Amino acid sequence: MARPLKRYACQSCGAITSKWSGRCESCGEWNTIVEEAAPAPGPAGGGMARRGKGRLLEFTGLTGSTPQPPRLKSGINEFDRVCGGGLVVGSALLIGGDPGIGKSTLLLQMAAALARQHTACAYISGEEAVDQVRLRAERLGLADAPVQLVAATSVRDIVASLEQPDAPKVAVIDSIQTMWLDTVDSTPGTVTQVRASAQALVELAKRRGIAVLLVGHVTKDGAIAGPRVLEHMVDTVLYFEGERGHQFRILRTVKNRFGPTDEIGVFEMSDRGLSDVANPSALFLADRRGHVSGTCVFAGIEGTRPLLVEIQALVSPSSLATPRRAVVGWDSNRLAMVLAVLEARCGVTVGANDVYLNVAGGLRIGEPAADLAVAAAVISSLADEQVPGDMVVFGEIGLGGEVRPVGQREARLREAAKLGFRSALVPQVRSGSGPAPRAPEGIAIDEIEHLSDLVARFQPADRPLKRGRREGAPEGTGDRRRDRDQH
């Protein structure tokens, strides 16, 4: 008998090798290479030569009318927004997130909402028993929803059930890492099984016009576990984010073939499940306290939605040889860049201090427009001077210290005016770029061109910015608070 063929696959990136090694040469991960059975070789000479020529394809031009794909609206506004207006019939959606963040809760609520609108929905659980899902539905008040529930892990059985004439139009698979195909000689959760199971379910969605939602595990780095090709196979990829200590959850789009990318939906977690947040800006600023230095309100854009969040900074003298830089909710590399520009271009000494930066509410900001708001919060804490409570700030900072304009200025200002803000610190409009955009009524615009203009607003001529109190460092306004307390 011929020896069975073996190969080794990396469970992190999906790379295939002919021998085992402790470290994957493609992604650099350790102890992720597992032995798997290789597919049987095809007939000698190749199958294409034996079957003959393929059929001729009919090409068409770029112009023409294409009807919009039909969508299923769940009624959960934030979920429908992230999907681009609802679930597309015949599409495959992948949602990932940390364990316990609320993926199963969200999809169970979505399936119940669609089922109550007379759309047949199936919830296929591969991790929990039927009774466990029923207990969650009872806790969420969804026990009366006509959702078809089953616990199964065999993809062959799932495909056979969903190919029936009366099969549901929406199927939730929780999760793809627990599914397995009997034609693949690998354990569930391996790269080969995940890829083959996802391929079979995606083909089913396209062939039968079923909207399939796959739940995916995430790695310690936050990426969806399994081969990277899994994200290329599906039509939409969503990430469910949030800190367990906060009640807010962010559903973020990173890929969508039927709608905008980088869209977000905001939910609030409670004992009754997840609820929509219609005005996230007001919710993120609800616990904001005025009359505190080191805080600044940033007017950002998440997808198509303007969003106001509070950025907090604390600059304190360091007792360490290497001061700390702790960042929550923002890119630590951009903070290092902003601090370097402050020192090199504006003469603000920050190096001897610990710098702590936090985006309140558990939201993570990725756009460069937050540079100016971060710089304002850092300088405010360094000078112990407050940013006006009715001011919003946004703008990108270059390495030369210049403040560059950012997109969707009018939308940011309209959102700020709607929430009662009366002033805005924004980049100066470039000359020759057309007429300056009109500001909303009731909000004053303060334009700056260079980061030194921002520093001058917090550094009066008779008071330098405070510095660290390490031995040999000059004293500045960091002692003002101590002197004021003594008097």
Protein backbone atom coordinates (compact mmCIF):
# COMPACT_ATOMS: atom_id res chain seq x y z
CA MET A 1 0.00 0.00 0.00
CA ALA A 2 1.15 3.53 -0.72
CA ARG A 3 2.12 5.55 2.30
CA PRO A 4 -0.43 8.28 3.17
CA LEU A 5 0.77 11.74 2.29
CA LYS A 6 1.43 14.13 5.16
CA ARG A 7 2.02 17.83 5.33
CA TYR A 8 2.46 20.42 8.05
CA ALA A 9 0.27 23.54 8.31
CA CYS A 10 0.71 26.61 10.49
CA GLN A 11 -2.42 27.20 12.57
CA SER A 12 -1.75 30.95 12.65
CA CYS A 13 -1.19 31.91 9.01
CA GLY A 14 -2.00 28.71 7.08
CA ALA A 15 1.46 28.24 5.55
CA ILE A 16 2.19 24.71 4.31
CA THR A 17 5.58 23.03 4.81
CA SER A 18 6.93 19.57 4.11
CA LYS A 19 8.48 19.10 7.56
CA TRP A 20 7.81 20.15 11.12
CA SER A 21 9.65 23.01 12.82
CA GLY A 22 9.15 24.87 16.06
CA ARG A 23 8.80 28.28 14.41
CA CYS A 24 6.81 29.19 11.32
CA GLU A 25 9.01 30.89 8.73
CA SER A 26 6.05 32.81 7.25
CA CYS A 27 4.54 34.51 10.32
CA GLY A 28 7.21 33.90 12.96
CA GLU A 29 4.85 32.25 15.48
CA TRP A 30 6.14 29.46 17.70
CA ASN A 31 4.57 26.02 18.22
CA THR A 32 1.78 26.56 15.67
CA ILE A 33 2.77 23.95 13.06
CA VAL A 34 0.58 20.82 13.13
CA GLU A 35 0.71 17.69 10.99
CA GLU A 36 -2.26 17.27 8.66
CA ALA A 37 -3.25 14.83 5.97
CA ALA A 38 -2.51 16.05 2.46
CA PRO A 39 -5.19 15.83 -0.26
CA ALA A 40 -4.96 12.88 -2.59
CA PRO A 41 -3.08 13.58 -5.83
CA GLY A 42 -5.08 13.87 -9.03
CA PRO A 43 -4.77 11.53 -12.01
CA ALA A 44 -1.61 11.58 -14.07
CA GLY A 45 -1.58 14.18 -16.77
CA GLY A 46 -3.97 16.47 -14.92
CA GLY A 47 -7.73 16.55 -14.86
CA MET A 48 -8.12 19.50 -17.23
CA ALA A 49 -6.41 17.76 -20.12
CA ARG A 50 -8.63 14.70 -19.64
CA ARG A 51 -11.91 16.67 -19.46
CA GLY A 52 -11.25 18.81 -22.52
CA LYS A 53 -11.66 22.51 -23.11
CA GLY A 54 -13.74 24.84 -20.95
CA ARG A 55 -16.68 26.87 -22.14
CA LEU A 56 -16.20 30.34 -23.58
CA LEU A 57 -16.91 33.24 -21.23
CA GLU A 58 -19.11 36.14 -22.24
CA PHE A 59 -17.47 39.46 -21.42
CA THR A 60 -19.34 42.71 -20.81
CA GLY A 61 -18.48 46.38 -20.33
CA LEU A 62 -18.28 48.53 -17.22
CA THR A 63 -21.41 50.50 -18.06
CA GLY A 64 -24.84 49.10 -17.33
CA SER A 65 -27.50 48.98 -14.67
CA THR A 66 -27.05 46.70 -11.69
CA PRO A 67 -29.97 46.35 -9.28
CA GLN A 68 -29.27 46.74 -5.60
CA PRO A 69 -29.12 43.42 -3.74
CA PRO A 70 -32.15 42.71 -1.55
CA ARG A 71 -31.57 43.20 2.16
CA LEU A 72 -33.09 41.88 5.35
CA LYS A 73 -33.44 44.60 7.99
CA SER A 74 -33.39 43.31 11.54
CA GLY A 75 -34.69 46.48 13.16
CA ILE A 76 -31.53 46.77 15.28
CA ASN A 77 -30.46 50.07 13.81
CA GLU A 78 -26.79 49.94 14.77
CA PHE A 79 -26.37 46.42 13.38
CA ASP A 80 -28.13 47.34 10.13
CA ARG A 81 -25.95 50.48 9.82
CA VAL A 82 -22.74 48.48 10.11
CA CYS A 83 -23.92 45.97 7.50
CA GLY A 84 -24.68 48.80 5.07
CA GLY A 85 -28.46 48.83 5.51
CA GLY A 86 -29.23 45.25 6.47
CA LEU A 87 -28.17 41.68 5.70
CA VAL A 88 -27.70 40.96 2.01
CA VAL A 89 -29.47 37.83 0.79
CA GLY A 90 -26.93 35.20 -0.24
CA SER A 91 -23.98 36.78 1.57
CA ALA A 92 -21.54 35.45 4.17
CA LEU A 93 -20.66 37.56 7.21
CA LEU A 94 -17.84 36.91 9.69
CA ILE A 95 -17.91 38.50 13.15
CA GLY A 96 -15.03 38.23 15.61
CA GLY A 97 -14.32 39.51 19.09
CA ASP A 98 -12.84 38.68 22.46
CA PRO A 99 -14.42 35.87 24.50
CA GLY A 100 -17.41 37.11 26.49
CA ILE A 101 -17.67 40.41 24.63
CA GLY A 102 -21.24 39.67 23.46
CA LYS A 103 -21.02 38.12 19.98
CA SER A 104 -23.49 35.33 20.70
CA THR A 105 -25.82 37.74 22.50
CA LEU A 106 -25.85 40.15 19.57
CA LEU A 107 -26.49 37.48 16.95
CA LEU A 108 -29.21 35.84 19.04
CA GLN A 109 -30.95 39.22 19.39
CA MET A 110 -30.58 39.82 15.65
CA ALA A 111 -32.00 36.38 14.78
CA ALA A 112 -34.92 36.90 17.17
CA ALA A 113 -35.67 40.33 15.69
CA LEU A 114 -35.74 38.92 12.14
CA ALA A 115 -37.82 35.90 13.21
CA ARG A 116 -40.43 38.20 14.72
CA GLN A 117 -40.67 39.88 11.29
CA HIS A 118 -41.59 36.51 9.72
CA THR A 119 -38.08 35.80 8.38
CA ALA A 120 -37.11 32.19 9.07
CA CYS A 121 -33.87 32.13 11.09
CA ALA A 122 -31.74 29.26 12.37
CA TYR A 123 -29.23 29.46 15.21
CA ILE A 124 -26.71 26.60 14.96
CA SER A 125 -24.57 26.32 18.07
CA GLY A 126 -21.37 24.32 18.04
CA GLU A 127 -20.09 25.41 21.44
CA GLU A 128 -23.18 25.43 23.66
CA ALA A 129 -25.99 22.98 24.24
CA VAL A 130 -29.56 23.83 23.30
CA ASP A 131 -30.51 24.36 26.93
CA GLN A 132 -27.72 26.92 27.40
CA VAL A 133 -28.91 28.95 24.43
CA ARG A 134 -32.48 28.74 25.71
CA LEU A 135 -31.41 30.09 29.10
CA ARG A 136 -29.72 33.06 27.41
CA ALA A 137 -32.81 33.71 25.30
CA GLU A 138 -35.00 33.61 28.41
CA ARG A 139 -32.72 36.08 30.20
CA LEU A 140 -32.85 38.42 27.21
CA GLY A 141 -36.63 38.18 26.88
CA LEU A 142 -36.42 36.37 23.53
CA ALA A 143 -37.92 33.01 24.45
CA ASP A 144 -41.09 33.69 22.43
CA ALA A 145 -39.20 34.44 19.18
CA PRO A 146 -39.69 31.68 16.55
CA VAL A 147 -35.97 30.99 16.06
CA GLN A 148 -35.05 27.47 14.95
CA LEU A 149 -32.36 26.19 17.31
CA VAL A 150 -30.02 23.22 17.00
CA ALA A 151 -26.65 22.11 18.38
CA ALA A 152 -24.47 20.65 15.61
CA THR A 153 -20.88 20.68 14.37
CA SER A 154 -21.01 18.52 11.23
CA VAL A 155 -20.94 20.75 8.15
CA ARG A 156 -22.36 17.93 6.02
CA ASP A 157 -25.44 17.72 8.26
CA ILE A 158 -25.82 21.50 8.37
CA VAL A 159 -25.62 21.85 4.59
CA ALA A 160 -28.13 19.03 4.07
CA SER A 161 -30.57 20.67 6.49
CA LEU A 162 -30.26 24.13 4.97
CA GLU A 163 -30.79 22.84 1.42
CA GLN A 164 -34.37 21.78 2.14
CA PRO A 165 -37.13 23.75 0.36
CA ASP A 166 -38.40 25.19 3.65
CA ALA A 167 -34.89 26.04 4.93
CA PRO A 168 -34.34 29.30 6.88
CA LYS A 169 -33.22 32.44 5.09
CA VAL A 170 -30.72 33.41 7.82
CA ALA A 171 -28.32 30.99 9.51
CA VAL A 172 -26.01 31.80 12.43
CA ILE A 173 -23.02 29.47 12.86
CA ASP A 174 -21.52 29.77 16.36
CA SER A 175 -18.66 29.23 15.80
CA ILE A 176 -16.71 28.34 12.65
CA GLN A 177 -13.81 26.94 14.72
CA THR A 178 -16.03 24.12 16.00
CA MET A 179 -17.26 22.99 12.56
CA TRP A 180 -15.75 19.97 10.79
CA LEU A 181 -16.02 18.10 7.50
CA ASP A 182 -15.66 14.32 7.42
CA THR A 183 -13.83 14.58 4.08
CA VAL A 184 -10.94 16.43 5.73
CA ASP A 185 -8.59 14.38 7.89
CA SER A 186 -7.92 17.05 10.55
CA THR A 187 -9.29 17.95 13.94
CA PRO A 188 -11.84 20.80 14.28
CA GLY A 189 -10.23 24.21 14.63
CA THR A 190 -7.22 23.48 12.46
CA VAL A 191 -6.44 25.59 9.42
CA THR A 192 -7.60 22.91 6.98
CA GLN A 193 -10.91 22.29 8.76
CA VAL A 194 -11.71 25.99 9.20
CA ARG A 195 -10.97 26.75 5.57
CA ALA A 196 -12.90 23.77 4.22
CA SER A 197 -15.90 24.31 6.52
CA ALA A 198 -16.09 28.01 5.68
CA GLN A 199 -15.84 27.27 1.96
CA ALA A 200 -18.74 24.81 2.14
CA LEU A 201 -20.92 27.27 4.07
CA VAL A 202 -20.10 30.19 1.75
CA GLU A 203 -20.97 28.07 -1.29
CA LEU A 204 -24.26 27.17 0.38
CA ALA A 205 -25.04 30.85 1.00
CA LYS A 206 -24.43 31.75 -2.66
CA ARG A 207 -26.25 28.75 -4.08
CA ARG A 208 -29.38 28.87 -1.91
CA GLY A 209 -29.60 32.63 -1.26
CA ILE A 210 -29.14 32.27 2.51
CA ALA A 211 -27.49 34.92 4.66
CA VAL A 212 -24.87 33.03 6.70
CA LEU A 213 -23.29 34.64 9.76
CA LEU A 214 -20.11 33.00 11.06
CA VAL A 215 -18.74 33.64 14.54
CA GLY A 216 -14.94 33.54 14.67
CA HIS A 217 -12.56 33.25 17.59
CA VAL A 218 -9.76 35.79 17.93
CA THR A 219 -6.10 35.35 18.79
CA LYS A 220 -4.24 37.09 21.60
CA ASP A 221 -3.38 39.87 19.13
CA GLY A 222 -7.07 40.53 18.42
CA ALA A 223 -7.11 39.09 14.87
CA ILE A 224 -9.62 36.44 13.84
CA ALA A 225 -8.13 33.00 14.45
CA GLY A 226 -7.52 30.64 11.56
CA PRO A 227 -6.13 31.25 8.09
CA ARG A 228 -6.13 34.77 6.73
CA VAL A 229 -7.91 33.48 3.65
CA LEU A 230 -11.02 33.11 5.82
CA GLU A 231 -11.53 36.88 5.75
CA HIS A 232 -11.14 36.91 1.96
CA MET A 233 -13.76 34.22 1.46
CA VAL A 234 -16.62 36.08 3.17
CA ASP A 235 -18.37 39.24 2.01
CA THR A 236 -18.33 41.18 5.30
CA VAL A 237 -15.97 41.14 8.28
CA LEU A 238 -17.04 42.72 11.57
CA TYR A 239 -15.11 43.11 14.80
CA PHE A 240 -16.89 43.42 18.14
CA GLU A 241 -14.79 45.58 20.44
CA GLY A 242 -15.02 46.98 23.94
CA GLU A 243 -13.60 46.82 27.42
CA ARG A 244 -15.31 44.51 29.87
CA GLY A 245 -15.15 47.24 32.50
CA HIS A 246 -17.25 49.54 30.27
CA GLN A 247 -20.84 49.04 29.26
CA PHE A 248 -20.18 50.27 25.71
CA ARG A 249 -19.55 47.89 22.82
CA ILE A 250 -18.35 48.90 19.35
CA LEU A 251 -19.24 46.85 16.27
CA ARG A 252 -16.74 47.88 13.58
CA THR A 253 -16.69 47.04 9.86
CA VAL A 254 -13.30 46.23 8.36
CA LYS A 255 -14.58 44.74 5.09
CA ASN A 256 -17.92 45.05 3.31
CA ARG A 257 -18.59 44.26 -0.32
CA PHE A 258 -22.09 45.72 -0.09
CA GLY A 259 -21.54 48.88 1.95
CA PRO A 260 -19.02 51.31 3.44
CA THR A 261 -16.04 50.12 5.42
CA ASP A 262 -14.82 51.60 8.72
CA GLU A 263 -18.45 52.03 9.82
CA ILE A 264 -19.23 51.53 13.50
CA GLY A 265 -22.28 50.71 15.57
CA VAL A 266 -22.45 51.57 19.26
CA PHE A 267 -24.24 49.34 21.76
CA GLU A 268 -24.74 49.46 25.50
CA MET A 269 -24.52 46.20 27.43
CA SER A 270 -26.97 45.58 30.25
CA ASP A 271 -28.55 42.60 32.01
CA ARG A 272 -31.21 42.61 29.27
CA GLY A 273 -28.66 42.34 26.47
CA LEU A 274 -27.37 44.87 23.99
CA SER A 275 -29.31 48.02 23.17
CA ASP A 276 -28.78 50.61 20.45
CA VAL A 277 -27.12 53.92 21.29
CA ALA A 278 -28.82 56.50 19.09
CA ASN A 279 -26.56 59.41 20.12
CA PRO A 280 -23.15 57.98 21.06
CA SER A 281 -21.52 61.42 21.33
CA ALA A 282 -23.80 62.43 24.19
CA LEU A 283 -23.27 59.06 25.87
CA PHE A 284 -19.46 59.21 25.68
CA LEU A 285 -19.51 62.72 27.16
CA ALA A 286 -22.14 62.01 29.81
CA ASP A 287 -19.63 61.48 32.65
CA ARG A 288 -17.35 64.31 31.61
CA ARG A 289 -16.26 66.65 34.40
CA GLY A 290 -15.31 70.23 33.73
CA HIS A 291 -12.69 72.39 35.42
CA VAL A 292 -9.99 69.69 35.08
CA SER A 293 -6.74 70.19 33.24
CA GLY A 294 -5.56 67.57 30.77
CA THR A 295 -8.95 66.87 29.18
CA CYS A 296 -10.05 67.78 25.68
CA VAL A 297 -13.05 66.94 23.49
CA PHE A 298 -12.15 65.53 20.08
CA ALA A 299 -14.58 65.74 17.16
CA GLY A 300 -13.88 62.59 15.15
CA ILE A 301 -15.40 60.64 12.28
CA GLU A 302 -16.08 56.90 12.53
CA GLY A 303 -17.20 55.67 9.14
CA THR A 304 -19.98 58.04 8.11
CA ARG A 305 -20.80 59.11 11.66
CA PRO A 306 -19.36 62.14 13.50
CA LEU A 307 -18.46 61.20 17.05
CA LEU A 308 -17.36 63.35 19.99
CA VAL A 309 -15.18 61.71 22.65
CA GLU A 310 -13.12 62.97 25.56
CA ILE A 311 -9.35 62.55 25.45
CA GLN A 312 -7.62 62.58 28.83
CA ALA A 313 -3.90 63.15 29.45
CA LEU A 314 -1.90 63.15 32.64
CA VAL A 315 1.70 64.40 32.69
CA SER A 316 3.47 63.75 35.98
CA PRO A 317 7.12 63.86 37.09
CA SER A 318 8.84 60.50 36.69
CA SER A 319 11.05 58.77 39.24
CA LEU A 320 12.25 56.27 36.64
CA ALA A 321 15.29 56.45 34.40
CA THR A 322 12.99 55.87 31.43
CA PRO A 323 9.67 57.72 31.84
CA ARG A 324 6.52 55.74 31.12
CA ARG A 325 4.24 56.24 28.12
CA ALA A 326 0.91 54.48 28.77
CA VAL A 327 -1.79 54.73 26.10
CA VAL A 328 -5.35 53.35 26.12
CA GLY A 329 -7.53 53.76 23.04
CA TRP A 330 -4.96 55.38 20.74
CA ASP A 331 -1.78 54.51 18.86
CA SER A 332 1.27 54.69 21.13
CA ASN A 333 3.50 55.44 18.13
CA ARG A 334 1.49 58.55 17.27
CA LEU A 335 1.74 59.73 20.88
CA ALA A 336 5.52 59.37 20.70
CA MET A 337 5.49 61.40 17.47
CA VAL A 338 3.36 64.19 18.99
CA LEU A 339 5.64 64.39 22.03
CA ALA A 340 8.72 64.52 19.79
CA VAL A 341 7.24 67.36 17.72
CA LEU A 342 6.40 69.29 20.89
CA GLU A 343 9.99 69.04 22.07
CA ALA A 344 11.78 69.57 18.74
CA ARG A 345 9.54 72.21 17.13
CA CYS A 346 7.93 73.99 20.09
CA GLY A 347 10.56 73.74 22.82
CA VAL A 348 8.22 71.98 25.26
CA THR A 349 10.18 69.61 27.52
CA VAL A 350 8.21 66.44 28.14
CA GLY A 351 10.96 63.83 28.26
CA ALA A 352 11.42 63.85 32.06
CA ASN A 353 7.73 63.16 32.75
CA ASP A 354 5.47 60.13 32.67
CA VAL A 355 2.68 60.58 30.12
CA TYR A 356 -0.64 58.73 30.44
CA LEU A 357 -3.23 59.01 27.67
CA ASN A 358 -6.78 57.63 27.73
CA VAL A 359 -9.78 57.78 25.42
CA ALA A 360 -12.77 57.84 27.76
CA GLY A 361 -15.54 55.30 27.26
CA GLY A 362 -13.47 52.40 25.91
CA LEU A 363 -13.50 53.64 22.30
CA ARG A 364 -10.41 53.17 20.14
CA ILE A 365 -9.50 56.03 17.80
CA GLY A 366 -7.46 55.44 14.67
CA GLU A 367 -7.67 58.59 12.57
CA PRO A 368 -4.78 61.14 12.49
CA ALA A 369 -7.24 63.97 13.11
CA ALA A 370 -6.90 63.29 16.84
CA ASP A 371 -3.28 64.55 16.87
CA LEU A 372 -4.21 68.13 17.77
CA ALA A 373 -6.63 67.06 20.50
CA VAL A 374 -3.98 64.81 22.05
CA ALA A 375 -1.43 67.65 21.94
CA ALA A 376 -3.95 70.01 23.56
CA ALA A 377 -4.64 67.53 26.37
CA VAL A 378 -0.92 66.94 26.99
CA ILE A 379 -0.09 70.66 27.03
CA SER A 380 -3.09 71.37 29.24
CA SER A 381 -1.90 68.84 31.81
CA LEU A 382 1.70 70.03 31.53
CA ALA A 383 0.73 73.67 32.10
CA ASP A 384 -2.03 72.87 34.61
CA GLU A 385 -4.38 75.01 32.52
CA GLN A 386 -7.85 73.92 31.43
CA VAL A 387 -9.03 73.59 27.87
CA PRO A 388 -12.30 75.57 27.61
CA GLY A 389 -15.15 73.22 28.40
CA ASP A 390 -17.20 74.34 25.37
CA MET A 391 -14.38 73.78 22.84
CA VAL A 392 -13.78 70.88 20.46
CA VAL A 393 -10.42 70.22 18.82
CA PHE A 394 -9.34 68.30 15.72
CA GLY A 395 -6.44 68.41 13.27
CA GLU A 396 -3.45 66.43 12.03
CA ILE A 397 0.09 67.33 13.08
CA GLY A 398 3.06 66.99 10.70
CA LEU A 399 6.66 66.37 11.71
CA GLY A 400 7.46 70.00 11.00
CA GLY A 401 4.91 71.12 13.59
CA GLU A 402 2.39 72.24 10.97
CA VAL A 403 -1.30 71.59 11.63
CA ARG A 404 -2.91 70.07 8.56
CA PRO A 405 -6.59 70.16 7.59
CA VAL A 406 -8.67 66.98 7.84
CA GLY A 407 -11.75 65.81 5.99
CA GLN A 408 -15.43 66.29 6.81
CA ARG A 409 -14.87 69.48 8.76
CA GLU A 410 -18.50 70.60 8.46
CA ALA A 411 -19.88 67.30 9.80
CA ARG A 412 -17.61 67.49 12.86
CA LEU A 413 -18.62 71.07 13.59
CA ARG A 414 -22.33 70.34 13.15
CA GLU A 415 -22.14 67.51 15.66
CA ALA A 416 -20.32 69.78 18.13
CA ALA A 417 -22.87 72.57 17.71
CA LYS A 418 -25.73 70.10 18.20
CA LEU A 419 -24.30 69.11 21.59
CA GLY A 420 -23.89 72.69 22.77
CA PHE A 421 -20.23 73.42 22.07
CA ARG A 422 -19.53 77.06 21.29
CA SER A 423 -15.94 77.09 19.97
CA ALA A 424 -13.63 74.91 17.91
CA LEU A 425 -9.85 74.83 17.52
CA VAL A 426 -9.22 73.64 13.97
CA PRO A 427 -6.50 73.74 11.28
CA GLN A 428 -6.31 76.74 9.00
CA VAL A 429 -7.87 76.28 5.57
CA ARG A 430 -5.29 76.22 2.79
CA SER A 431 -5.26 79.17 0.44
CA GLY A 432 -6.40 78.33 -3.06
CA SER A 433 -8.55 75.40 -1.94
CA GLY A 434 -11.77 77.27 -2.59
CA PRO A 435 -14.02 79.28 -0.30
CA ALA A 436 -13.73 78.52 3.39
CA PRO A 437 -16.52 76.25 4.63
CA ARG A 438 -19.16 78.00 6.68
CA ALA A 439 -19.28 77.19 10.36
CA PRO A 440 -22.60 76.20 11.96
CA GLU A 441 -24.47 78.98 13.67
CA GLY A 442 -23.47 79.54 17.28
CA ILE A 443 -19.94 78.07 17.13
CA ALA A 444 -16.80 80.23 16.89
CA ILE A 445 -13.88 78.97 14.80
CA ASP A 446 -10.29 79.44 15.98
CA GLU A 447 -7.87 78.43 13.23
CA ILE A 448 -4.20 77.68 13.89
CA GLU A 449 -1.40 76.98 11.42
CA HIS A 450 1.41 75.66 13.63
CA LEU A 451 1.60 73.67 16.84
CA SER A 452 3.45 76.55 18.49
CA ASP A 453 0.22 78.57 18.24
CA LEU A 454 -1.44 75.97 20.46
CA VAL A 455 1.44 76.05 22.95
CA ALA A 456 1.22 79.85 23.16
CA ARG A 457 -2.39 79.60 24.32
CA PHE A 458 -1.32 77.61 27.41
CA GLN A 459 2.05 79.26 28.07
CA PRO A 460 1.87 82.89 29.20
CA ALA A 461 5.08 84.89 28.83
CA ASP A 462 5.68 85.02 32.60
CA ARG A 463 5.07 81.26 33.23
CA PRO A 464 7.00 78.46 31.53
CA LEU A 465 5.54 75.00 31.19
CA LYS A 466 6.25 72.68 34.08
CA ARG A 467 8.95 70.01 33.81
CA GLY A 468 9.92 66.86 35.64
CA ARG A 469 11.41 67.16 39.10
CA ARG A 470 14.23 64.71 38.68
CA GLU A 471 17.53 65.81 40.13
CA GLY A 472 19.19 68.42 37.95
CA ALA A 473 16.04 69.31 36.04
CA PRO A 474 15.04 72.99 36.16
CA GLU A 475 11.96 73.84 38.13
CA GLY A 476 8.98 75.32 36.34
CA THR A 477 5.34 75.74 36.87
CA GLY A 478 5.13 72.19 38.19
CA ASP A 479 5.74 73.80 41.58
CA ARG A 480 2.91 76.30 41.19
CA ARG A 481 0.35 73.91 42.58
CA ARG A 482 2.55 73.17 45.64
CA ASP A 483 3.13 76.88 46.26
CA ARG A 484 -0.57 77.61 45.91
CA ASP A 485 -1.43 74.91 48.46
CA GLN A 486 1.08 76.30 50.92
CA HIS A 487 -0.48 79.75 50.71
